[in-house]
Amino acid sequence: MSEERRILLAHGNGGRLMRELIEQVFARHLGNPLLDTRADAVTLALPESEIVFTTDGFTVQPLEFPGGDIGSLAVHGTVNDLAVAGATPLYLALNAFIEEGFEIERLERIVASLARAAREAGVQVVAGDTKVVPRGEGGGIYLATTGVGRRTHQRRLGMDRIAPRDCILLSGPIGDHGIAVLLARGEFGLSGDLRSDAACVLPFAQALLALPGLRFMRDPTRGGLATVAHEIAQATGLEVSLNEPSIPVRDTVRAACDMLGYDPMYLASEGRVVAVVAPQDADAALAAWRALPGGATAALIGEAVRGPARVVLRTELGGERLLEELEDDPLPRIC
């Protein structure tokens, strides 16, 4: 491949090549009336409501994996953080850090995927920046995003609203993203047809907003379900009791974990929601989730109870084990 079809340091120098890269790749795929690549800032029209703001970075390896890539993942990861906060995502800002020598054809695929994910989530990329780093100083491409959404309902969500006997719900199987990315790396000679669960969770979040007993929502990304459970225990001083047989895990994920020594409780999911609701609303919440595409396996997986601030897993054999807080990084560069 000629150097003309790869990223050069000159693509980040502010001159002709940088302008052409932005216009011919980023603006061509992400173009909308608000995106002005010649301006330093954008003016946004925000309806009267609470503004919700989030930011994230993405370094996944490999950059393309079954079920997604770093481009679609950047959109999903950002809009999901807004969605579980009870907001409707509106706008994204995108920063791309591209390594010298990166193939422009591959960049096109990633940006096109990002644009599709943004359209499907109903958000617009309205601002951005591009930097090129010298060869050997990056992982191909890193993305950083900022998301803005609006929240119109008056109810506040938060861990401080969780009370004893509240129910913990999960929208679908855990660990799909972590194992799909691991298999795509080919490090252990394993293969399979598992796809990442990376997706926009906005429909799942919005399906619960009308429930008066909704307390809290979170997407279990880095650190997985166990880490969300520990955050709840630490914030509330309650024991989080999880029922292992009720937690959906695909056979492929379980088999890979058994072979490689991983625990699916700690693996990242990029298209799931953990919700805490009052007991009287648990059935309605599950019914709403199960009626959505991809929600058939939504389950009630545990509850918050009085006791020491810890996470207890009730096993299939009827015993109990403590889930310790995550210390090591089992799968680095997973998102």
Protein backbone atom coordinates (compact mmCIF):
# COMPACT_ATOMS: atom_id res chain seq x y z
CA MET A 1 0.00 0.00 0.00
CA SER A 2 1.35 3.41 -0.91
CA GLU A 3 2.11 5.98 1.75
CA GLU A 4 -0.67 8.13 0.27
CA ARG A 5 -3.23 5.63 1.63
CA ARG A 6 -1.80 5.66 5.14
CA ILE A 7 -1.83 8.25 7.86
CA LEU A 8 1.24 10.51 7.80
CA LEU A 9 2.43 12.86 10.51
CA ALA A 10 1.46 15.63 8.09
CA HIS A 11 -2.18 14.59 8.48
CA GLY A 12 -2.00 16.18 11.92
CA ASN A 13 -0.09 19.37 11.13
CA GLY A 14 -3.08 21.62 10.47
CA GLY A 15 -2.33 21.97 6.75
CA ARG A 16 -3.74 20.62 3.48
CA LEU A 17 -3.49 16.91 4.31
CA MET A 18 -5.21 17.40 7.64
CA ARG A 19 -7.98 19.43 6.04
CA GLU A 20 -8.50 16.79 3.36
CA LEU A 21 -8.54 13.97 5.92
CA ILE A 22 -11.18 15.73 8.00
CA GLU A 23 -13.30 16.67 5.00
CA GLN A 24 -12.98 13.41 3.05
CA VAL A 25 -13.26 10.95 5.94
CA PHE A 26 -14.75 12.42 9.12
CA ALA A 27 -17.04 15.11 7.70
CA ARG A 28 -18.14 12.90 4.81
CA HIS A 29 -19.44 10.20 7.16
CA LEU A 30 -20.47 12.34 10.13
CA GLY A 31 -21.76 15.42 8.32
CA ASN A 32 -24.84 17.17 9.69
CA PRO A 33 -26.02 20.81 9.79
CA LEU A 34 -24.33 21.44 13.16
CA LEU A 35 -20.90 20.06 12.27
CA ASP A 36 -18.70 22.89 10.97
CA THR A 37 -15.14 21.63 10.57
CA ARG A 38 -13.87 25.21 10.13
CA ALA A 39 -15.20 26.45 13.47
CA ASP A 40 -13.63 26.17 16.93
CA ALA A 41 -16.94 25.70 18.72
CA VAL A 42 -20.55 24.81 18.01
CA THR A 43 -23.76 26.44 19.22
CA LEU A 44 -26.28 23.88 20.48
CA ALA A 45 -30.01 24.35 20.93
CA LEU A 46 -30.95 22.63 24.21
CA PRO A 47 -34.63 22.40 25.20
CA GLU A 48 -35.60 23.48 28.70
CA SER A 49 -34.55 20.51 30.80
CA GLU A 50 -31.65 19.20 32.84
CA ILE A 51 -28.47 18.82 30.82
CA VAL A 52 -26.54 15.57 31.35
CA PHE A 53 -22.87 15.44 30.39
CA THR A 54 -20.39 12.55 30.15
CA THR A 55 -16.97 11.79 28.67
CA ASP A 56 -15.14 8.56 27.83
CA GLY A 57 -12.10 7.11 26.05
CA PHE A 58 -11.68 3.96 23.95
CA THR A 59 -8.54 1.88 23.40
CA VAL A 60 -9.98 -1.56 22.55
CA GLN A 61 -7.71 -4.11 20.90
CA PRO A 62 -8.33 -5.43 18.31
CA LEU A 63 -9.91 -2.38 16.76
CA GLU A 64 -12.45 -4.50 14.88
CA PHE A 65 -14.11 -7.50 16.52
CA PRO A 66 -17.22 -9.64 15.98
CA GLY A 67 -20.21 -7.46 16.70
CA GLY A 68 -18.49 -4.09 16.50
CA ASP A 69 -15.36 -1.98 16.34
CA ILE A 70 -13.81 0.94 18.17
CA GLY A 71 -16.03 3.37 16.24
CA SER A 72 -19.40 1.87 17.12
CA LEU A 73 -18.13 1.11 20.63
CA ALA A 74 -17.29 4.78 21.19
CA VAL A 75 -20.86 5.76 20.35
CA HIS A 76 -22.48 2.99 22.37
CA GLY A 77 -20.28 3.54 25.40
CA THR A 78 -21.08 7.24 25.51
CA VAL A 79 -24.80 7.19 24.78
CA ASN A 80 -25.27 4.31 27.25
CA ASP A 81 -23.76 6.36 30.07
CA LEU A 82 -26.30 9.07 29.30
CA ALA A 83 -29.16 6.60 28.93
CA VAL A 84 -28.69 4.91 32.32
CA ALA A 85 -28.59 8.37 33.91
CA GLY A 86 -32.14 8.82 32.64
CA ALA A 87 -31.19 11.14 29.79
CA THR A 88 -31.93 11.18 26.08
CA PRO A 89 -28.59 11.45 24.22
CA LEU A 90 -28.41 14.37 21.79
CA TYR A 91 -24.86 15.34 20.83
CA LEU A 92 -21.35 13.89 20.75
CA ALA A 93 -17.91 15.41 20.40
CA LEU A 94 -15.22 13.12 18.97
CA ASN A 95 -11.45 13.22 19.37
CA ALA A 96 -9.34 10.85 17.26
CA PHE A 97 -5.70 10.04 18.05
CA ILE A 98 -4.33 8.24 14.98
CA GLU A 99 -0.96 6.55 14.69
CA GLU A 100 1.28 7.37 11.75
CA GLY A 101 1.03 4.59 9.16
CA PHE A 102 -2.58 3.69 9.94
CA GLU A 103 -4.44 2.59 6.80
CA ILE A 104 -6.92 5.20 5.58
CA GLU A 105 -9.19 2.45 4.23
CA ARG A 106 -9.44 1.02 7.73
CA LEU A 107 -10.06 4.47 9.14
CA GLU A 108 -12.91 4.85 6.65
CA ARG A 109 -14.52 1.62 7.92
CA ILE A 110 -14.27 2.70 11.54
CA VAL A 111 -15.66 6.19 10.94
CA ALA A 112 -18.48 4.79 8.79
CA SER A 113 -19.35 2.34 11.58
CA LEU A 114 -19.29 5.17 14.12
CA ALA A 115 -21.62 7.20 11.91
CA ARG A 116 -24.10 4.30 11.59
CA ALA A 117 -24.13 3.77 15.35
CA ALA A 118 -24.73 7.49 15.92
CA ARG A 119 -27.65 7.55 13.49
CA GLU A 120 -29.20 4.48 15.11
CA ALA A 121 -28.84 6.04 18.57
CA GLY A 122 -30.33 9.35 17.39
CA VAL A 123 -27.26 11.46 18.21
CA GLN A 124 -25.21 13.89 16.12
CA VAL A 125 -21.44 14.32 16.18
CA VAL A 126 -21.20 18.10 16.35
CA ALA A 127 -17.53 18.78 17.17
CA GLY A 128 -14.20 17.01 17.14
CA ASP A 129 -10.45 17.09 16.85
CA THR A 130 -7.83 14.97 15.09
CA LYS A 131 -4.29 14.32 16.25
CA VAL A 132 -1.59 12.15 14.63
CA VAL A 133 1.06 10.53 16.85
CA PRO A 134 4.39 9.11 15.60
CA ARG A 135 4.60 5.49 14.51
CA GLY A 136 4.99 3.18 17.50
CA GLU A 137 3.45 5.61 19.98
CA GLY A 138 -0.18 4.52 19.64
CA GLY A 139 -2.34 1.45 19.17
CA GLY A 140 -3.50 2.34 15.66
CA ILE A 141 -6.26 4.66 16.76
CA TYR A 142 -7.68 5.82 20.08
CA LEU A 143 -10.99 7.65 20.38
CA ALA A 144 -12.25 10.01 23.06
CA THR A 145 -15.85 11.19 23.21
CA THR A 146 -17.99 13.65 25.09
CA GLY A 147 -21.75 13.25 25.21
CA VAL A 148 -24.56 15.67 26.00
CA GLY A 149 -28.13 14.65 26.71
CA ARG A 150 -31.28 16.07 28.23
CA ARG A 151 -33.38 14.80 31.08
CA THR A 152 -36.99 15.95 31.23
CA HIS A 153 -38.42 13.79 34.03
CA GLN A 154 -38.28 15.14 37.57
CA ARG A 155 -37.39 11.94 39.45
CA ARG A 156 -33.81 11.57 40.59
CA LEU A 157 -31.93 8.31 40.18
CA GLY A 158 -29.00 7.35 42.37
CA MET A 159 -27.51 4.72 44.64
CA ASP A 160 -28.56 6.77 47.66
CA ARG A 161 -32.19 5.92 46.83
CA ILE A 162 -31.63 2.15 47.14
CA ALA A 163 -33.34 0.59 50.17
CA PRO A 164 -33.38 -2.87 51.77
CA ARG A 165 -35.40 -5.45 49.79
CA ASP A 166 -35.00 -3.54 46.53
CA CYS A 167 -34.63 -5.88 43.55
CA ILE A 168 -31.62 -6.05 41.21
CA LEU A 169 -32.42 -6.70 37.54
CA LEU A 170 -30.19 -7.52 34.56
CA SER A 171 -31.28 -6.92 30.97
CA GLY A 172 -29.38 -9.82 29.33
CA PRO A 173 -26.39 -12.19 29.38
CA ILE A 174 -23.12 -10.92 30.84
CA GLY A 175 -19.59 -11.20 29.50
CA ASP A 176 -20.34 -11.36 25.76
CA HIS A 177 -18.21 -8.33 24.92
CA GLY A 178 -15.25 -9.40 27.02
CA ILE A 179 -15.04 -12.90 25.60
CA ALA A 180 -15.79 -11.82 22.00
CA VAL A 181 -12.87 -9.37 22.11
CA LEU A 182 -10.64 -11.95 23.79
CA LEU A 183 -11.38 -14.55 21.08
CA ALA A 184 -10.77 -11.95 18.36
CA ARG A 185 -7.24 -11.47 19.69
CA GLY A 186 -6.41 -15.10 18.89
CA GLU A 187 -4.01 -15.28 21.82
CA PHE A 188 -5.09 -18.68 23.11
CA GLY A 189 -5.78 -20.54 19.88
CA LEU A 190 -9.52 -20.40 20.56
CA SER A 191 -12.23 -19.40 18.11
CA GLY A 192 -15.99 -19.15 18.08
CA ASP A 193 -18.99 -17.32 16.67
CA LEU A 194 -19.70 -15.24 19.77
CA ARG A 195 -20.44 -11.58 19.02
CA SER A 196 -19.99 -8.62 21.33
CA ASP A 197 -23.17 -7.38 22.95
CA ALA A 198 -22.14 -3.76 22.24
CA ALA A 199 -25.34 -1.84 21.49
CA CYS A 200 -27.34 1.23 22.44
CA VAL A 201 -29.28 0.52 25.67
CA LEU A 202 -31.50 3.59 25.40
CA PRO A 203 -34.71 1.53 24.79
CA PHE A 204 -34.02 -0.51 27.95
CA ALA A 205 -33.37 2.58 30.05
CA GLN A 206 -36.40 4.46 28.76
CA ALA A 207 -38.66 1.44 29.32
CA LEU A 208 -38.20 1.82 33.09
CA LEU A 209 -38.39 5.60 33.51
CA ALA A 210 -42.14 5.59 34.11
CA LEU A 211 -41.86 3.20 37.06
CA PRO A 212 -42.16 5.09 40.37
CA GLY A 213 -39.95 2.51 42.09
CA LEU A 214 -36.97 2.85 39.76
CA ARG A 215 -33.96 3.64 41.97
CA PHE A 216 -30.82 3.34 39.87
CA MET A 217 -29.37 2.11 36.54
CA ARG A 218 -25.84 1.35 35.40
CA ASP A 219 -24.24 -0.36 32.37
CA PRO A 220 -21.78 -3.03 33.58
CA THR A 221 -18.74 -2.24 31.42
CA ARG A 222 -15.20 -2.47 32.85
CA GLY A 223 -15.23 -4.69 35.92
CA GLY A 224 -18.56 -6.21 34.94
CA LEU A 225 -21.55 -7.05 37.11
CA ALA A 226 -19.45 -7.71 40.21
CA THR A 227 -18.04 -4.18 40.15
CA VAL A 228 -21.49 -2.60 39.87
CA ALA A 229 -22.62 -4.75 42.82
CA HIS A 230 -19.64 -3.57 44.89
CA GLU A 231 -20.36 0.06 44.05
CA ILE A 232 -23.93 -0.40 45.30
CA ALA A 233 -22.78 -2.10 48.52
CA GLN A 234 -20.19 0.59 49.27
CA ALA A 235 -22.57 3.47 48.53
CA THR A 236 -25.50 2.10 50.54
CA GLY A 237 -23.89 0.11 53.36
CA LEU A 238 -26.16 -2.81 52.38
CA GLU A 239 -25.34 -6.37 51.43
CA VAL A 240 -25.88 -7.14 47.77
CA SER A 241 -27.12 -10.71 47.46
CA LEU A 242 -26.93 -12.18 43.94
CA ASN A 243 -28.49 -15.48 42.86
CA GLU A 244 -26.05 -17.26 40.52
CA PRO A 245 -28.62 -19.54 38.79
CA SER A 246 -30.65 -16.46 37.81
CA ILE A 247 -27.75 -14.61 36.16
CA PRO A 248 -27.85 -15.22 32.38
CA VAL A 249 -24.48 -16.34 30.93
CA ARG A 250 -24.12 -17.87 27.47
CA ASP A 251 -22.64 -21.36 27.27
CA THR A 252 -19.84 -20.05 25.02
CA VAL A 253 -18.86 -17.43 27.61
CA ARG A 254 -19.01 -19.93 30.46
CA ALA A 255 -16.90 -22.47 28.55
CA ALA A 256 -14.24 -19.90 27.67
CA CYS A 257 -14.11 -18.72 31.27
CA ASP A 258 -13.74 -22.28 32.55
CA MET A 259 -10.85 -22.96 30.15
CA LEU A 260 -9.00 -19.70 30.74
CA GLY A 261 -9.70 -19.11 34.40
CA TYR A 262 -11.90 -16.02 34.07
CA ASP A 263 -15.03 -15.24 36.07
CA PRO A 264 -17.94 -13.93 33.95
CA MET A 265 -19.03 -11.80 36.90
CA TYR A 266 -16.06 -9.49 36.24
CA LEU A 267 -16.19 -9.38 32.43
CA ALA A 268 -17.29 -6.31 30.51
CA SER A 269 -20.67 -6.07 28.84
CA GLU A 270 -21.30 -3.15 26.47
CA GLY A 271 -25.01 -3.54 25.80
CA ARG A 272 -26.57 -4.46 29.14
CA VAL A 273 -28.28 -2.59 31.97
CA VAL A 274 -28.28 -3.31 35.69
CA ALA A 275 -31.31 -1.71 37.35
CA VAL A 276 -32.45 -1.51 40.96
CA VAL A 277 -36.20 -1.19 41.51
CA ALA A 278 -38.62 -1.37 44.42
CA PRO A 279 -40.05 -4.88 44.92
CA GLN A 280 -43.54 -3.87 43.77
CA ASP A 281 -42.18 -2.75 40.39
CA ALA A 282 -39.91 -5.71 39.62
CA ASP A 283 -42.47 -7.67 37.61
CA ALA A 284 -43.44 -4.64 35.52
CA ALA A 285 -39.79 -3.83 34.84
CA LEU A 286 -39.03 -7.37 33.68
CA ALA A 287 -42.12 -7.43 31.48
CA ALA A 288 -41.08 -4.15 29.85
CA TRP A 289 -37.57 -5.42 29.16
CA ARG A 290 -38.66 -8.83 27.89
CA ALA A 291 -40.95 -7.15 25.37
CA LEU A 292 -37.95 -5.41 23.75
CA PRO A 293 -35.74 -6.93 21.02
CA GLY A 294 -32.84 -8.61 22.81
CA GLY A 295 -34.57 -8.57 26.18
CA ALA A 296 -35.98 -12.11 26.33
CA THR A 297 -33.46 -13.26 28.95
CA ALA A 298 -33.82 -10.27 31.29
CA ALA A 299 -33.86 -11.54 34.84
CA LEU A 300 -34.26 -10.67 38.50
CA ILE A 301 -30.82 -11.63 39.80
CA GLY A 302 -30.74 -10.50 43.43
CA GLU A 303 -31.62 -7.95 46.06
CA ALA A 304 -30.18 -5.45 48.50
CA VAL A 305 -30.55 -6.60 52.11
CA ARG A 306 -29.57 -5.40 55.55
CA GLY A 307 -26.14 -6.62 56.52
CA PRO A 308 -22.47 -5.79 56.08
CA ALA A 309 -21.53 -3.87 52.93
CA ARG A 310 -20.42 -6.80 50.80
CA VAL A 311 -21.40 -8.83 47.73
CA VAL A 312 -22.59 -12.40 48.26
CA LEU A 313 -23.17 -14.86 45.41
CA ARG A 314 -25.63 -17.65 46.19
CA THR A 315 -24.38 -20.56 44.10
CA GLU A 316 -26.18 -23.22 42.11
CA LEU A 317 -25.27 -25.80 44.78
CA GLY A 318 -27.01 -23.81 47.49
CA GLY A 319 -23.89 -22.39 49.07
CA GLU A 320 -22.56 -18.85 49.25
CA ARG A 321 -19.32 -17.19 48.29
CA LEU A 322 -18.11 -13.67 48.70
CA LEU A 323 -17.33 -11.79 45.50
CA GLU A 324 -14.21 -9.79 46.18
CA GLU A 325 -13.65 -6.36 44.68
CA LEU A 326 -11.70 -6.47 41.42
CA GLU A 327 -7.96 -5.94 41.87
CA ASP A 328 -6.16 -7.00 38.68
CA ASP A 329 -7.21 -6.14 35.15
CA PRO A 330 -8.21 -9.53 33.69
CA LEU A 331 -8.67 -8.23 30.14
CA PRO A 332 -6.84 -4.96 29.44
CA ARG A 333 -7.88 -2.78 26.49
CA ILE A 334 -11.35 -4.28 26.37
CA CYS A 335 -13.13 -0.98 25.65
